[in-house]
Amino acid sequence: MYSNLSATEDLQRSLNSGQVVDMTIERTDLRGVVFSDAALERVKMESVGLQSVDFRGCRMVHLGVVGADARQAVLGGVRADHLEIASSDFIEASFARGNVRIGTFRDSQFINARFDTAHLTELEFDGCDLTHTRFMDATLLRCRFKDLRLGNANLTGADFTGATLLDCDLRGANLYRASFRDAILVQVDLREANLVDADFSGATCIDCAMEGADRERISHD
């Protein structure tokens, strides 16, 4: 699958300077490459190996990731603007403490991924599997979760404990056994969502819409 060794050498030279700009990387195994604290601007990665790669503290602007294996990648503390992820595997990846503003995550796997204490602004999750993804103590502003093919976003068992959700669209989402313990939800659209066995203990909901939602066995204080 991976064959482009010259791209790895070019990338490493740019990383040595702390900045990667206007680069396309294709069919390359980047496992073992350290991106931490680097600046990535107008970079596209397609069909690359990113498993367990360290992106901690990176500054990303207009980064595109397509068809990547990024399982267990570490993106803690990243600052990203205009991040586009498609058809990629971010299972058990960590975005903890990251600040991600404006982006689209499409047809990708985020099972057991962690967004704890992250700040997420104007992100669209379309067709992503977010089963057991953690958003503990995160702040989500104007984020949308949808799946145009299946009709609902999969957030089964997602953990929003202590999170703040402002003007977010979770309409029709599958939130079976999701946790919103001690969360603050303001103007969140939960219409037609599956909230069966969801935990809202200690949660504060202000101007939230829940018409048509399945609230069977929902937990409150």
C-alpha atoms as a PDB file:
ATOM      1  CA  MET A   1       0.000   0.000   0.000  1.00  0.00           C
ATOM      2  CA  TYR A   2       2.784   2.434   0.911  1.00  0.00           C
ATOM      3  CA  SER A   3       5.617   3.104  -1.534  1.00  0.00           C
ATOM      4  CA  ASN A   4       6.513   6.800  -1.682  1.00  0.00           C
ATOM      5  CA  LEU A   5       9.843   6.959   0.180  1.00  0.00           C
ATOM      6  CA  SER A   6      10.946  10.240  -1.427  1.00  0.00           C
ATOM      7  CA  ALA A   7       7.888  11.971   0.021  1.00  0.00           C
ATOM      8  CA  THR A   8       8.951  10.853   3.496  1.00  0.00           C
ATOM      9  CA  GLU A   9      12.417  12.331   2.966  1.00  0.00           C
ATOM     10  CA  ASP A  10      10.978  15.641   1.717  1.00  0.00           C
ATOM     11  CA  LEU A  11       8.599  15.733   4.656  1.00  0.00           C
ATOM     12  CA  GLN A  12      11.357  15.070   7.169  1.00  0.00           C
ATOM     13  CA  ARG A  13      13.420  17.936   5.772  1.00  0.00           C
ATOM     14  CA  SER A  14      10.452  20.279   6.190  1.00  0.00           C
ATOM     15  CA  LEU A  15       9.787  19.006   9.700  1.00  0.00           C
ATOM     16  CA  ASN A  16      13.387  19.709  10.634  1.00  0.00           C
ATOM     17  CA  SER A  17      12.608  23.373   9.911  1.00  0.00           C
ATOM     18  CA  GLY A  18       9.408  23.134  11.988  1.00  0.00           C
ATOM     19  CA  GLN A  19       7.081  23.972   9.101  1.00  0.00           C
ATOM     20  CA  VAL A  20       5.409  21.976   6.316  1.00  0.00           C
ATOM     21  CA  VAL A  21       3.694  24.122   3.671  1.00  0.00           C
ATOM     22  CA  ASP A  22       1.959  23.338   0.346  1.00  0.00           C
ATOM     23  CA  MET A  23       2.735  19.617   0.326  1.00  0.00           C
ATOM     24  CA  THR A  24       0.799  16.589  -0.919  1.00  0.00           C
ATOM     25  CA  ILE A  25       1.764  13.235   0.592  1.00  0.00           C
ATOM     26  CA  GLU A  26       0.351  10.082  -0.985  1.00  0.00           C
ATOM     27  CA  ARG A  27       0.681   6.334  -0.337  1.00  0.00           C
ATOM     28  CA  THR A  28       3.335   6.828   2.306  1.00  0.00           C
ATOM     29  CA  ASP A  29       3.915   5.099   5.643  1.00  0.00           C
ATOM     30  CA  LEU A  30       4.464   7.916   8.153  1.00  0.00           C
ATOM     31  CA  ARG A  31       4.528   5.756  11.259  1.00  0.00           C
ATOM     32  CA  GLY A  32       7.441   6.849  13.396  1.00  0.00           C
ATOM     33  CA  VAL A  33       7.503  10.385  11.965  1.00  0.00           C
ATOM     34  CA  VAL A  34       7.207  12.997  14.737  1.00  0.00           C
ATOM     35  CA  PHE A  35       5.029  16.004  13.895  1.00  0.00           C
ATOM     36  CA  SER A  36       4.776  17.396  17.430  1.00  0.00           C
ATOM     37  CA  ASP A  37       4.803  21.223  17.646  1.00  0.00           C
ATOM     38  CA  ALA A  38       5.185  21.575  13.858  1.00  0.00           C
ATOM     39  CA  ALA A  39       3.158  23.962  11.679  1.00  0.00           C
ATOM     40  CA  LEU A  40       1.233  22.260   8.855  1.00  0.00           C
ATOM     41  CA  GLU A  41      -0.324  24.598   6.289  1.00  0.00           C
ATOM     42  CA  ARG A  42      -2.134  23.598   3.119  1.00  0.00           C
ATOM     43  CA  VAL A  43      -1.046  19.965   3.455  1.00  0.00           C
ATOM     44  CA  LYS A  44      -2.943  17.016   1.964  1.00  0.00           C
ATOM     45  CA  MET A  45      -2.368  13.456   3.133  1.00  0.00           C
ATOM     46  CA  GLU A  46      -3.932  10.673   1.078  1.00  0.00           C
ATOM     47  CA  SER A  47      -3.709   6.925   1.741  1.00  0.00           C
ATOM     48  CA  VAL A  48      -1.029   7.390   4.380  1.00  0.00           C
ATOM     49  CA  GLY A  49      -0.099   5.381   7.470  1.00  0.00           C
ATOM     50  CA  LEU A  50      -0.475   7.502  10.600  1.00  0.00           C
ATOM     51  CA  GLN A  51      -0.980   4.826  13.238  1.00  0.00           C
ATOM     52  CA  SER A  52       0.142   6.108  16.665  1.00  0.00           C
ATOM     53  CA  VAL A  53       1.807   9.148  15.032  1.00  0.00           C
ATOM     54  CA  ASP A  54       2.490  12.059  17.425  1.00  0.00           C
ATOM     55  CA  PHE A  55       0.886  15.363  16.358  1.00  0.00           C
ATOM     56  CA  ARG A  56       0.827  16.904  19.846  1.00  0.00           C
ATOM     57  CA  GLY A  57       0.903  20.703  19.841  1.00  0.00           C
ATOM     58  CA  CYS A  58       0.719  20.985  16.047  1.00  0.00           C
ATOM     59  CA  ARG A  59      -0.682  24.081  14.363  1.00  0.00           C
ATOM     60  CA  MET A  60      -2.779  22.970  11.375  1.00  0.00           C
ATOM     61  CA  VAL A  61      -4.326  25.213   8.732  1.00  0.00           C
ATOM     62  CA  HIS A  62      -6.165  23.717   5.752  1.00  0.00           C
ATOM     63  CA  LEU A  63      -5.073  20.147   6.444  1.00  0.00           C
ATOM     64  CA  GLY A  64      -6.781  17.393   4.447  1.00  0.00           C
ATOM     65  CA  VAL A  65      -6.604  13.716   5.434  1.00  0.00           C
ATOM     66  CA  VAL A  66      -8.162  11.120   3.110  1.00  0.00           C
ATOM     67  CA  GLY A  67      -8.033   7.344   3.399  1.00  0.00           C
ATOM     68  CA  ALA A  68      -5.592   7.378   6.310  1.00  0.00           C
ATOM     69  CA  ASP A  69      -4.933   4.725   8.938  1.00  0.00           C
ATOM     70  CA  ALA A  70      -4.641   6.971  12.000  1.00  0.00           C
ATOM     71  CA  ARG A  71      -5.555   4.497  14.703  1.00  0.00           C
ATOM     72  CA  GLN A  72      -4.305   5.638  18.116  1.00  0.00           C
ATOM     73  CA  ALA A  73      -2.836   8.809  16.624  1.00  0.00           C
ATOM     74  CA  VAL A  74      -2.044  11.444  19.254  1.00  0.00           C
ATOM     75  CA  LEU A  75      -3.402  14.904  18.437  1.00  0.00           C
ATOM     76  CA  GLY A  76      -3.550  16.282  21.973  1.00  0.00           C
ATOM     77  CA  GLY A  77      -3.354  20.056  22.140  1.00  0.00           C
ATOM     78  CA  VAL A  78      -3.509  20.602  18.375  1.00  0.00           C
ATOM     79  CA  ARG A  79      -4.745  23.938  17.050  1.00  0.00           C
ATOM     80  CA  ALA A  80      -6.511  23.345  13.759  1.00  0.00           C
ATOM     81  CA  ASP A  81      -8.447  25.569  11.368  1.00  0.00           C
ATOM     82  CA  HIS A  82     -10.240  24.093   8.348  1.00  0.00           C
ATOM     83  CA  LEU A  83      -9.507  20.432   9.069  1.00  0.00           C
ATOM     84  CA  GLU A  84     -10.964  17.992   6.540  1.00  0.00           C
ATOM     85  CA  ILE A  85     -10.989  14.252   7.314  1.00  0.00           C
ATOM     86  CA  ALA A  86     -12.576  11.682   4.975  1.00  0.00           C
ATOM     87  CA  SER A  87     -12.725   7.891   4.773  1.00  0.00           C
ATOM     88  CA  SER A  88     -10.130   7.540   7.518  1.00  0.00           C
ATOM     89  CA  ASP A  89      -9.673   5.396  10.609  1.00  0.00           C
ATOM     90  CA  PHE A  90      -9.137   7.369  13.836  1.00  0.00           C
ATOM     91  CA  ILE A  91     -10.143   4.570  16.201  1.00  0.00           C
ATOM     92  CA  GLU A  92      -8.788   5.259  19.720  1.00  0.00           C
ATOM     93  CA  ALA A  93      -7.134   8.479  18.529  1.00  0.00           C
ATOM     94  CA  SER A  94      -6.812  11.340  21.007  1.00  0.00           C
ATOM     95  CA  PHE A  95      -7.807  14.954  20.308  1.00  0.00           C
ATOM     96  CA  ALA A  96      -7.756  15.797  24.028  1.00  0.00           C
ATOM     97  CA  ARG A  97      -7.245  19.499  24.827  1.00  0.00           C
ATOM     98  CA  GLY A  98      -7.292  20.279  21.107  1.00  0.00           C
ATOM     99  CA  ASN A  99      -8.812  23.413  19.608  1.00  0.00           C
ATOM    100  CA  VAL A 100     -10.395  22.577  16.255  1.00  0.00           C
ATOM    101  CA  ARG A 101     -12.298  25.282  14.382  1.00  0.00           C
ATOM    102  CA  ILE A 102     -14.226  24.754  11.163  1.00  0.00           C
ATOM    103  CA  GLY A 103     -13.975  21.362   9.540  1.00  0.00           C
ATOM    104  CA  THR A 104     -15.713  18.340   8.100  1.00  0.00           C
ATOM    105  CA  PHE A 105     -15.196  14.774   9.291  1.00  0.00           C
ATOM    106  CA  ARG A 106     -16.833  12.457   6.751  1.00  0.00           C
ATOM    107  CA  ASP A 107     -17.289   8.668   6.533  1.00  0.00           C
ATOM    108  CA  SER A 108     -14.603   8.018   9.142  1.00  0.00           C
ATOM    109  CA  GLN A 109     -14.192   5.850  12.238  1.00  0.00           C
ATOM    110  CA  PHE A 110     -13.792   7.539  15.628  1.00  0.00           C
ATOM    111  CA  ILE A 111     -14.724   4.571  17.813  1.00  0.00           C
ATOM    112  CA  ASN A 112     -13.318   5.058  21.337  1.00  0.00           C
ATOM    113  CA  ALA A 113     -11.634   8.293  20.254  1.00  0.00           C
ATOM    114  CA  ARG A 114     -11.116  10.980  22.911  1.00  0.00           C
ATOM    115  CA  PHE A 115     -12.007  14.667  22.611  1.00  0.00           C
ATOM    116  CA  ASP A 116     -11.776  15.320  26.360  1.00  0.00           C
ATOM    117  CA  THR A 117     -11.513  19.047  27.280  1.00  0.00           C
ATOM    118  CA  ALA A 118     -11.279  19.920  23.571  1.00  0.00           C
ATOM    119  CA  HIS A 119     -12.818  23.066  22.056  1.00  0.00           C
ATOM    120  CA  LEU A 120     -14.712  22.160  18.870  1.00  0.00           C
ATOM    121  CA  THR A 121     -16.268  24.933  16.795  1.00  0.00           C
ATOM    122  CA  GLU A 122     -18.356  24.559  13.630  1.00  0.00           C
ATOM    123  CA  LEU A 123     -17.446  20.935  12.940  1.00  0.00           C
ATOM    124  CA  GLU A 124     -19.610  18.619  10.869  1.00  0.00           C
ATOM    125  CA  PHE A 125     -19.479  14.874  11.534  1.00  0.00           C
ATOM    126  CA  ASP A 126     -21.145  13.231   8.524  1.00  0.00           C
ATOM    127  CA  GLY A 127     -21.424   9.469   8.307  1.00  0.00           C
ATOM    128  CA  CYS A 128     -18.903   8.872  11.089  1.00  0.00           C
ATOM    129  CA  ASP A 129     -18.974   6.071  13.642  1.00  0.00           C
ATOM    130  CA  LEU A 130     -18.575   7.745  17.035  1.00  0.00           C
ATOM    131  CA  THR A 131     -19.426   4.731  19.178  1.00  0.00           C
ATOM    132  CA  HIS A 132     -18.111   5.212  22.733  1.00  0.00           C
ATOM    133  CA  THR A 133     -16.312   8.411  21.742  1.00  0.00           C
ATOM    134  CA  ARG A 134     -15.499  10.631  24.739  1.00  0.00           C
ATOM    135  CA  PHE A 135     -16.234  14.347  24.861  1.00  0.00           C
ATOM    136  CA  MET A 136     -15.757  14.713  28.623  1.00  0.00           C
ATOM    137  CA  ASP A 137     -15.532  18.380  29.723  1.00  0.00           C
ATOM    138  CA  ALA A 138     -15.302  19.432  26.068  1.00  0.00           C
ATOM    139  CA  THR A 139     -16.919  22.553  24.578  1.00  0.00           C
ATOM    140  CA  LEU A 140     -18.858  22.081  21.342  1.00  0.00           C
ATOM    141  CA  LEU A 141     -20.123  25.177  19.518  1.00  0.00           C
ATOM    142  CA  ARG A 142     -22.331  24.912  16.431  1.00  0.00           C
ATOM    143  CA  CYS A 143     -21.312  21.310  15.711  1.00  0.00           C
ATOM    144  CA  ARG A 144     -23.479  19.013  13.557  1.00  0.00           C
ATOM    145  CA  PHE A 145     -23.753  15.241  13.693  1.00  0.00           C
ATOM    146  CA  LYS A 146     -25.511  13.522  10.804  1.00  0.00           C
ATOM    147  CA  ASP A 147     -25.484  10.583   8.440  1.00  0.00           C
ATOM    148  CA  LEU A 148     -27.203  11.269   5.149  1.00  0.00           C
ATOM    149  CA  ARG A 149     -27.141   7.586   4.191  1.00  0.00           C
ATOM    150  CA  LEU A 150     -28.272   5.926   7.422  1.00  0.00           C
ATOM    151  CA  GLY A 151     -30.519   8.754   8.584  1.00  0.00           C
ATOM    152  CA  ASN A 152     -28.830   9.181  11.957  1.00  0.00           C
ATOM    153  CA  ALA A 153     -25.363   9.667  13.389  1.00  0.00           C
ATOM    154  CA  ASN A 154     -24.007   6.799  15.480  1.00  0.00           C
ATOM    155  CA  LEU A 155     -23.093   8.103  18.939  1.00  0.00           C
ATOM    156  CA  THR A 156     -23.961   4.941  20.845  1.00  0.00           C
ATOM    157  CA  GLY A 157     -22.466   5.138  24.333  1.00  0.00           C
ATOM    158  CA  ALA A 158     -20.794   8.495  23.644  1.00  0.00           C
ATOM    159  CA  ASP A 159     -19.648  10.291  26.790  1.00  0.00           C
ATOM    160  CA  PHE A 160     -20.453  14.019  27.081  1.00  0.00           C
ATOM    161  CA  THR A 161     -19.968  14.097  30.865  1.00  0.00           C
ATOM    162  CA  GLY A 162     -19.361  17.678  31.982  1.00  0.00           C
ATOM    163  CA  ALA A 163     -19.340  18.940  28.394  1.00  0.00           C
ATOM    164  CA  THR A 164     -20.839  22.218  27.170  1.00  0.00           C
ATOM    165  CA  LEU A 165     -22.868  22.021  23.959  1.00  0.00           C
ATOM    166  CA  LEU A 166     -24.003  25.287  22.387  1.00  0.00           C
ATOM    167  CA  ASP A 167     -26.254  25.443  19.305  1.00  0.00           C
ATOM    168  CA  CYS A 168     -25.386  21.872  18.218  1.00  0.00           C
ATOM    169  CA  ASP A 169     -27.392  19.671  15.846  1.00  0.00           C
ATOM    170  CA  LEU A 170     -27.924  16.104  17.085  1.00  0.00           C
ATOM    171  CA  ARG A 171     -31.256  15.629  15.353  1.00  0.00           C
ATOM    172  CA  GLY A 172     -32.005  11.965  14.763  1.00  0.00           C
ATOM    173  CA  ALA A 173     -28.709  10.865  16.308  1.00  0.00           C
ATOM    174  CA  ASN A 174     -28.397   7.445  17.900  1.00  0.00           C
ATOM    175  CA  LEU A 175     -27.448   8.365  21.472  1.00  0.00           C
ATOM    176  CA  TYR A 176     -28.365   5.054  23.044  1.00  0.00           C
ATOM    177  CA  ARG A 177     -26.721   4.830  26.472  1.00  0.00           C
ATOM    178  CA  ALA A 178     -24.926   8.144  25.928  1.00  0.00           C
ATOM    179  CA  SER A 179     -23.928  10.096  29.015  1.00  0.00           C
ATOM    180  CA  PHE A 180     -24.675  13.800  29.488  1.00  0.00           C
ATOM    181  CA  ARG A 181     -24.025  13.761  33.225  1.00  0.00           C
ATOM    182  CA  ASP A 182     -23.436  17.303  34.552  1.00  0.00           C
ATOM    183  CA  ALA A 183     -23.365  18.626  30.971  1.00  0.00           C
ATOM    184  CA  ILE A 184     -24.744  21.999  29.872  1.00  0.00           C
ATOM    185  CA  LEU A 185     -26.848  21.947  26.702  1.00  0.00           C
ATOM    186  CA  VAL A 186     -28.042  25.248  25.214  1.00  0.00           C
ATOM    187  CA  GLN A 187     -30.178  25.304  22.067  1.00  0.00           C
ATOM    188  CA  VAL A 188     -29.249  21.720  21.177  1.00  0.00           C
ATOM    189  CA  ASP A 189     -31.469  19.985  18.605  1.00  0.00           C
ATOM    190  CA  LEU A 190     -32.261  16.476  19.869  1.00  0.00           C
ATOM    191  CA  ARG A 191     -35.455  16.005  17.902  1.00  0.00           C
ATOM    192  CA  GLU A 192     -36.114  12.414  16.841  1.00  0.00           C
ATOM    193  CA  ALA A 193     -32.901  11.283  18.564  1.00  0.00           C
ATOM    194  CA  ASN A 194     -32.598   7.878  20.208  1.00  0.00           C
ATOM    195  CA  LEU A 195     -32.079   8.729  23.881  1.00  0.00           C
ATOM    196  CA  VAL A 196     -32.953   5.297  25.250  1.00  0.00           C
ATOM    197  CA  ASP A 197     -31.001   4.655  28.468  1.00  0.00           C
ATOM    198  CA  ALA A 198     -29.192   7.988  28.095  1.00  0.00           C
ATOM    199  CA  ASP A 199     -28.000   9.574  31.338  1.00  0.00           C
ATOM    200  CA  PHE A 200     -28.862  13.253  31.884  1.00  0.00           C
ATOM    201  CA  SER A 201     -28.185  13.223  35.643  1.00  0.00           C
ATOM    202  CA  GLY A 202     -27.146  16.706  36.753  1.00  0.00           C
ATOM    203  CA  ALA A 203     -27.431  18.057  33.200  1.00  0.00           C
ATOM    204  CA  THR A 204     -28.779  21.534  32.443  1.00  0.00           C
ATOM    205  CA  CYS A 205     -30.845  21.844  29.256  1.00  0.00           C
ATOM    206  CA  ILE A 206     -31.820  25.331  28.062  1.00  0.00           C
ATOM    207  CA  ASP A 207     -34.015  25.858  24.969  1.00  0.00           C
ATOM    208  CA  CYS A 208     -33.304  22.329  23.709  1.00  0.00           C
ATOM    209  CA  ALA A 209     -35.670  20.616  21.273  1.00  0.00           C
ATOM    210  CA  MET A 210     -36.582  16.978  21.990  1.00  0.00           C
ATOM    211  CA  GLU A 211     -39.804  16.516  20.017  1.00  0.00           C
ATOM    212  CA  GLY A 212     -40.092  12.982  18.695  1.00  0.00           C
ATOM    213  CA  ALA A 213     -37.055  11.761  20.639  1.00  0.00           C
ATOM    214  CA  ASP A 214     -37.225   8.290  22.170  1.00  0.00           C
ATOM    215  CA  ARG A 215     -36.656   8.977  25.866  1.00  0.00           C
ATOM    216  CA  GLU A 216     -37.412   5.511  27.229  1.00  0.00           C
ATOM    217  CA  ARG A 217     -35.540   4.806  30.474  1.00  0.00           C
ATOM    218  CA  ILE A 218     -33.742   8.163  30.297  1.00  0.00           C
ATOM    219  CA  SER A 219     -32.037   8.994  33.600  1.00  0.00           C
ATOM    220  CA  HIS A 220     -32.413  12.283  35.513  1.00  0.00           C
ATOM    221  CA  ASP A 221     -31.550  13.297  39.049  1.00  0.00           C
END
